[in-house]
Amino acid sequence: MRTARGADHDVMFGRGRTELDVLVLRDAEVVAEGLREALADAPPEQRPGLERAVALVERAAAAPDADLRARWVRERLAAAGYEGPADSVHAVKALREAAPGLSLLSAVLLSREAAAHGPDPVASKG
């Protein structure tokens, strides 16, 4: 039953929203710039390592937000000791326990996104 407040009230309090309440922060460009500056002044023996570091950071900077969110979910689930499918009810529960401020809707959407992205390519190379 709708009250006189209508849809605006529902949106204000979170009902009817479909977006995630998760913000992806990126600082890889700042790190890459610092590495490039160090590379410019580096002696020859340090250049190969710094060149490799720049390449790794640039690759990380190019990762889509969805990949970063999926990695975040997998890291939280692993820290909670959860090893099953990322989009299961148990995963959503573990994710919400690992990140207490996360809404149920956000946890469900994040877990589905993580499952759709498959295993973490960085972790599987380790």
C-alpha atoms as a PDB file:
ATOM      1  CA  MET A   1       0.000   0.000   0.000  1.00  0.00           C
ATOM      2  CA  ARG A   2       1.429   3.379  -1.002  1.00  0.00           C
ATOM      3  CA  THR A   3       1.193   6.350   1.272  1.00  0.00           C
ATOM      4  CA  ALA A   4       0.919   9.977   0.195  1.00  0.00           C
ATOM      5  CA  ARG A   5       4.703  10.150   0.266  1.00  0.00           C
ATOM      6  CA  GLY A   6       4.858   7.898  -2.789  1.00  0.00           C
ATOM      7  CA  ALA A   7       7.931   6.879  -4.746  1.00  0.00           C
ATOM      8  CA  ASP A   8      10.197   9.674  -3.477  1.00  0.00           C
ATOM      9  CA  HIS A   9       9.929   8.287   0.045  1.00  0.00           C
ATOM     10  CA  ASP A  10      10.743   4.783  -1.171  1.00  0.00           C
ATOM     11  CA  VAL A  11      13.859   5.919  -3.025  1.00  0.00           C
ATOM     12  CA  MET A  12      15.094   8.006  -0.117  1.00  0.00           C
ATOM     13  CA  PHE A  13      15.026   4.995   2.168  1.00  0.00           C
ATOM     14  CA  GLY A  14      16.515   2.544  -0.284  1.00  0.00           C
ATOM     15  CA  ARG A  15      13.508   0.672  -1.572  1.00  0.00           C
ATOM     16  CA  GLY A  16      13.313   0.453  -5.336  1.00  0.00           C
ATOM     17  CA  ARG A  17      16.991   1.277  -5.859  1.00  0.00           C
ATOM     18  CA  THR A  18      19.086  -0.935  -8.085  1.00  0.00           C
ATOM     19  CA  GLU A  19      22.521   0.676  -7.932  1.00  0.00           C
ATOM     20  CA  LEU A  20      25.360  -0.598  -5.797  1.00  0.00           C
ATOM     21  CA  ASP A  21      26.426   1.249  -2.679  1.00  0.00           C
ATOM     22  CA  VAL A  22      30.071   0.511  -3.445  1.00  0.00           C
ATOM     23  CA  LEU A  23      32.656   3.018  -4.580  1.00  0.00           C
ATOM     24  CA  VAL A  24      35.735   1.849  -6.469  1.00  0.00           C
ATOM     25  CA  LEU A  25      38.788   3.914  -5.567  1.00  0.00           C
ATOM     26  CA  ARG A  26      41.693   4.027  -7.962  1.00  0.00           C
ATOM     27  CA  ASP A  27      45.151   5.298  -7.168  1.00  0.00           C
ATOM     28  CA  ALA A  28      47.148   3.235  -9.664  1.00  0.00           C
ATOM     29  CA  GLU A  29      47.718   6.272 -11.898  1.00  0.00           C
ATOM     30  CA  VAL A  30      49.369   8.140  -9.030  1.00  0.00           C
ATOM     31  CA  VAL A  31      51.590   5.128  -8.319  1.00  0.00           C
ATOM     32  CA  ALA A  32      52.410   4.727 -12.019  1.00  0.00           C
ATOM     33  CA  GLU A  33      53.418   8.379 -12.283  1.00  0.00           C
ATOM     34  CA  GLY A  34      55.729   8.029  -9.280  1.00  0.00           C
ATOM     35  CA  LEU A  35      57.317   4.947 -10.829  1.00  0.00           C
ATOM     36  CA  ARG A  36      57.765   6.733 -14.169  1.00  0.00           C
ATOM     37  CA  GLU A  37      59.538   9.593 -12.381  1.00  0.00           C
ATOM     38  CA  ALA A  38      61.793   7.114 -10.564  1.00  0.00           C
ATOM     39  CA  LEU A  39      62.480   5.364 -13.876  1.00  0.00           C
ATOM     40  CA  ALA A  40      63.524   8.624 -15.521  1.00  0.00           C
ATOM     41  CA  ASP A  41      66.267   9.121 -12.903  1.00  0.00           C
ATOM     42  CA  ALA A  42      67.163   5.459 -12.338  1.00  0.00           C
ATOM     43  CA  PRO A  43      70.626   4.020 -12.903  1.00  0.00           C
ATOM     44  CA  PRO A  44      70.819   1.294 -15.579  1.00  0.00           C
ATOM     45  CA  GLU A  45      70.823  -1.585 -13.070  1.00  0.00           C
ATOM     46  CA  GLN A  46      67.466  -0.472 -11.601  1.00  0.00           C
ATOM     47  CA  ARG A  47      65.688   0.205 -14.907  1.00  0.00           C
ATOM     48  CA  PRO A  48      64.498  -3.366 -15.694  1.00  0.00           C
ATOM     49  CA  GLY A  49      62.749  -3.719 -12.338  1.00  0.00           C
ATOM     50  CA  LEU A  50      61.170  -0.282 -12.522  1.00  0.00           C
ATOM     51  CA  GLU A  51      60.039  -0.881 -16.113  1.00  0.00           C
ATOM     52  CA  ARG A  52      58.349  -4.098 -15.003  1.00  0.00           C
ATOM     53  CA  ALA A  53      56.724  -2.298 -12.065  1.00  0.00           C
ATOM     54  CA  VAL A  54      55.384   0.440 -14.360  1.00  0.00           C
ATOM     55  CA  ALA A  55      53.915  -2.174 -16.698  1.00  0.00           C
ATOM     56  CA  LEU A  56      52.211  -4.003 -13.806  1.00  0.00           C
ATOM     57  CA  VAL A  57      50.728  -0.822 -12.368  1.00  0.00           C
ATOM     58  CA  GLU A  58      49.515   0.330 -15.784  1.00  0.00           C
ATOM     59  CA  ARG A  59      47.811  -3.024 -16.280  1.00  0.00           C
ATOM     60  CA  ALA A  60      46.147  -2.681 -12.879  1.00  0.00           C
ATOM     61  CA  ALA A  61      45.029   0.864 -13.744  1.00  0.00           C
ATOM     62  CA  ALA A  62      43.353  -0.419 -16.910  1.00  0.00           C
ATOM     63  CA  ALA A  63      41.251  -3.022 -15.051  1.00  0.00           C
ATOM     64  CA  PRO A  64      37.498  -2.330 -15.287  1.00  0.00           C
ATOM     65  CA  ASP A  65      35.625  -1.395 -12.105  1.00  0.00           C
ATOM     66  CA  ALA A  66      33.677  -4.667 -12.299  1.00  0.00           C
ATOM     67  CA  ASP A  67      36.939  -6.628 -12.054  1.00  0.00           C
ATOM     68  CA  LEU A  68      37.979  -4.651  -8.981  1.00  0.00           C
ATOM     69  CA  ARG A  69      34.606  -5.208  -7.316  1.00  0.00           C
ATOM     70  CA  ALA A  70      34.770  -8.938  -8.105  1.00  0.00           C
ATOM     71  CA  ARG A  71      38.258  -9.152  -6.611  1.00  0.00           C
ATOM     72  CA  TRP A  72      37.080  -7.276  -3.516  1.00  0.00           C
ATOM     73  CA  VAL A  73      34.240  -9.778  -3.057  1.00  0.00           C
ATOM     74  CA  ARG A  74      36.539 -12.787  -3.506  1.00  0.00           C
ATOM     75  CA  GLU A  75      39.032 -11.338  -1.012  1.00  0.00           C
ATOM     76  CA  ARG A  76      36.302 -10.773   1.599  1.00  0.00           C
ATOM     77  CA  LEU A  77      34.909 -14.280   1.076  1.00  0.00           C
ATOM     78  CA  ALA A  78      38.378 -15.845   1.325  1.00  0.00           C
ATOM     79  CA  ALA A  79      39.121 -13.891   4.521  1.00  0.00           C
ATOM     80  CA  ALA A  80      35.844 -15.199   5.957  1.00  0.00           C
ATOM     81  CA  GLY A  81      36.909 -18.759   5.112  1.00  0.00           C
ATOM     82  CA  TYR A  82      34.188 -19.189   2.495  1.00  0.00           C
ATOM     83  CA  GLU A  83      35.188 -21.365  -0.468  1.00  0.00           C
ATOM     84  CA  GLY A  84      31.914 -22.066  -2.304  1.00  0.00           C
ATOM     85  CA  PRO A  85      30.235 -20.339  -5.241  1.00  0.00           C
ATOM     86  CA  ALA A  86      30.401 -16.540  -5.010  1.00  0.00           C
ATOM     87  CA  ASP A  87      26.703 -16.121  -5.797  1.00  0.00           C
ATOM     88  CA  SER A  88      25.239 -18.522  -3.237  1.00  0.00           C
ATOM     89  CA  VAL A  89      23.117 -17.556  -0.259  1.00  0.00           C
ATOM     90  CA  HIS A  90      25.999 -18.588   2.027  1.00  0.00           C
ATOM     91  CA  ALA A  91      28.360 -16.297   0.107  1.00  0.00           C
ATOM     92  CA  VAL A  92      25.992 -13.351   0.485  1.00  0.00           C
ATOM     93  CA  LYS A  93      25.756 -14.032   4.210  1.00  0.00           C
ATOM     94  CA  ALA A  94      29.554 -14.298   4.539  1.00  0.00           C
ATOM     95  CA  LEU A  95      30.016 -11.115   2.525  1.00  0.00           C
ATOM     96  CA  ARG A  96      27.593  -9.161   4.691  1.00  0.00           C
ATOM     97  CA  GLU A  97      29.321 -10.445   7.837  1.00  0.00           C
ATOM     98  CA  ALA A  98      32.709  -9.431   6.398  1.00  0.00           C
ATOM     99  CA  ALA A  99      31.393  -5.972   5.416  1.00  0.00           C
ATOM    100  CA  PRO A 100      28.685  -5.161   7.986  1.00  0.00           C
ATOM    101  CA  GLY A 101      27.567  -1.893   6.354  1.00  0.00           C
ATOM    102  CA  LEU A 102      26.813  -3.611   3.052  1.00  0.00           C
ATOM    103  CA  SER A 103      23.111  -3.795   2.221  1.00  0.00           C
ATOM    104  CA  LEU A 104      21.500  -7.074   1.262  1.00  0.00           C
ATOM    105  CA  LEU A 105      20.836  -5.808  -2.261  1.00  0.00           C
ATOM    106  CA  SER A 106      24.436  -4.684  -2.727  1.00  0.00           C
ATOM    107  CA  ALA A 107      25.767  -7.972  -1.377  1.00  0.00           C
ATOM    108  CA  VAL A 108      23.571  -9.953  -3.774  1.00  0.00           C
ATOM    109  CA  LEU A 109      24.545  -7.816  -6.779  1.00  0.00           C
ATOM    110  CA  LEU A 110      28.246  -7.925  -5.885  1.00  0.00           C
ATOM    111  CA  SER A 111      28.215 -11.683  -5.353  1.00  0.00           C
ATOM    112  CA  ARG A 112      26.490 -12.223  -8.703  1.00  0.00           C
ATOM    113  CA  GLU A 113      29.004  -9.961 -10.426  1.00  0.00           C
ATOM    114  CA  ALA A 114      31.912 -11.823  -8.822  1.00  0.00           C
ATOM    115  CA  ALA A 115      30.478 -15.169  -9.907  1.00  0.00           C
ATOM    116  CA  ALA A 116      30.010 -13.903 -13.468  1.00  0.00           C
ATOM    117  CA  HIS A 117      33.665 -12.822 -13.611  1.00  0.00           C
ATOM    118  CA  GLY A 118      34.897 -16.283 -12.695  1.00  0.00           C
ATOM    119  CA  PRO A 119      38.117 -16.893 -10.759  1.00  0.00           C
ATOM    120  CA  ASP A 120      40.513 -14.050 -10.035  1.00  0.00           C
ATOM    121  CA  PRO A 121      43.142 -14.037 -12.810  1.00  0.00           C
ATOM    122  CA  VAL A 122      45.742 -12.513 -10.472  1.00  0.00           C
ATOM    123  CA  ALA A 123      45.187 -15.174  -7.777  1.00  0.00           C
ATOM    124  CA  SER A 124      45.250 -18.021 -10.287  1.00  0.00           C
ATOM    125  CA  LYS A 125      48.688 -16.890 -11.552  1.00  0.00           C
ATOM    126  CA  GLY A 126      50.146 -16.935  -8.033  1.00  0.00           C
END
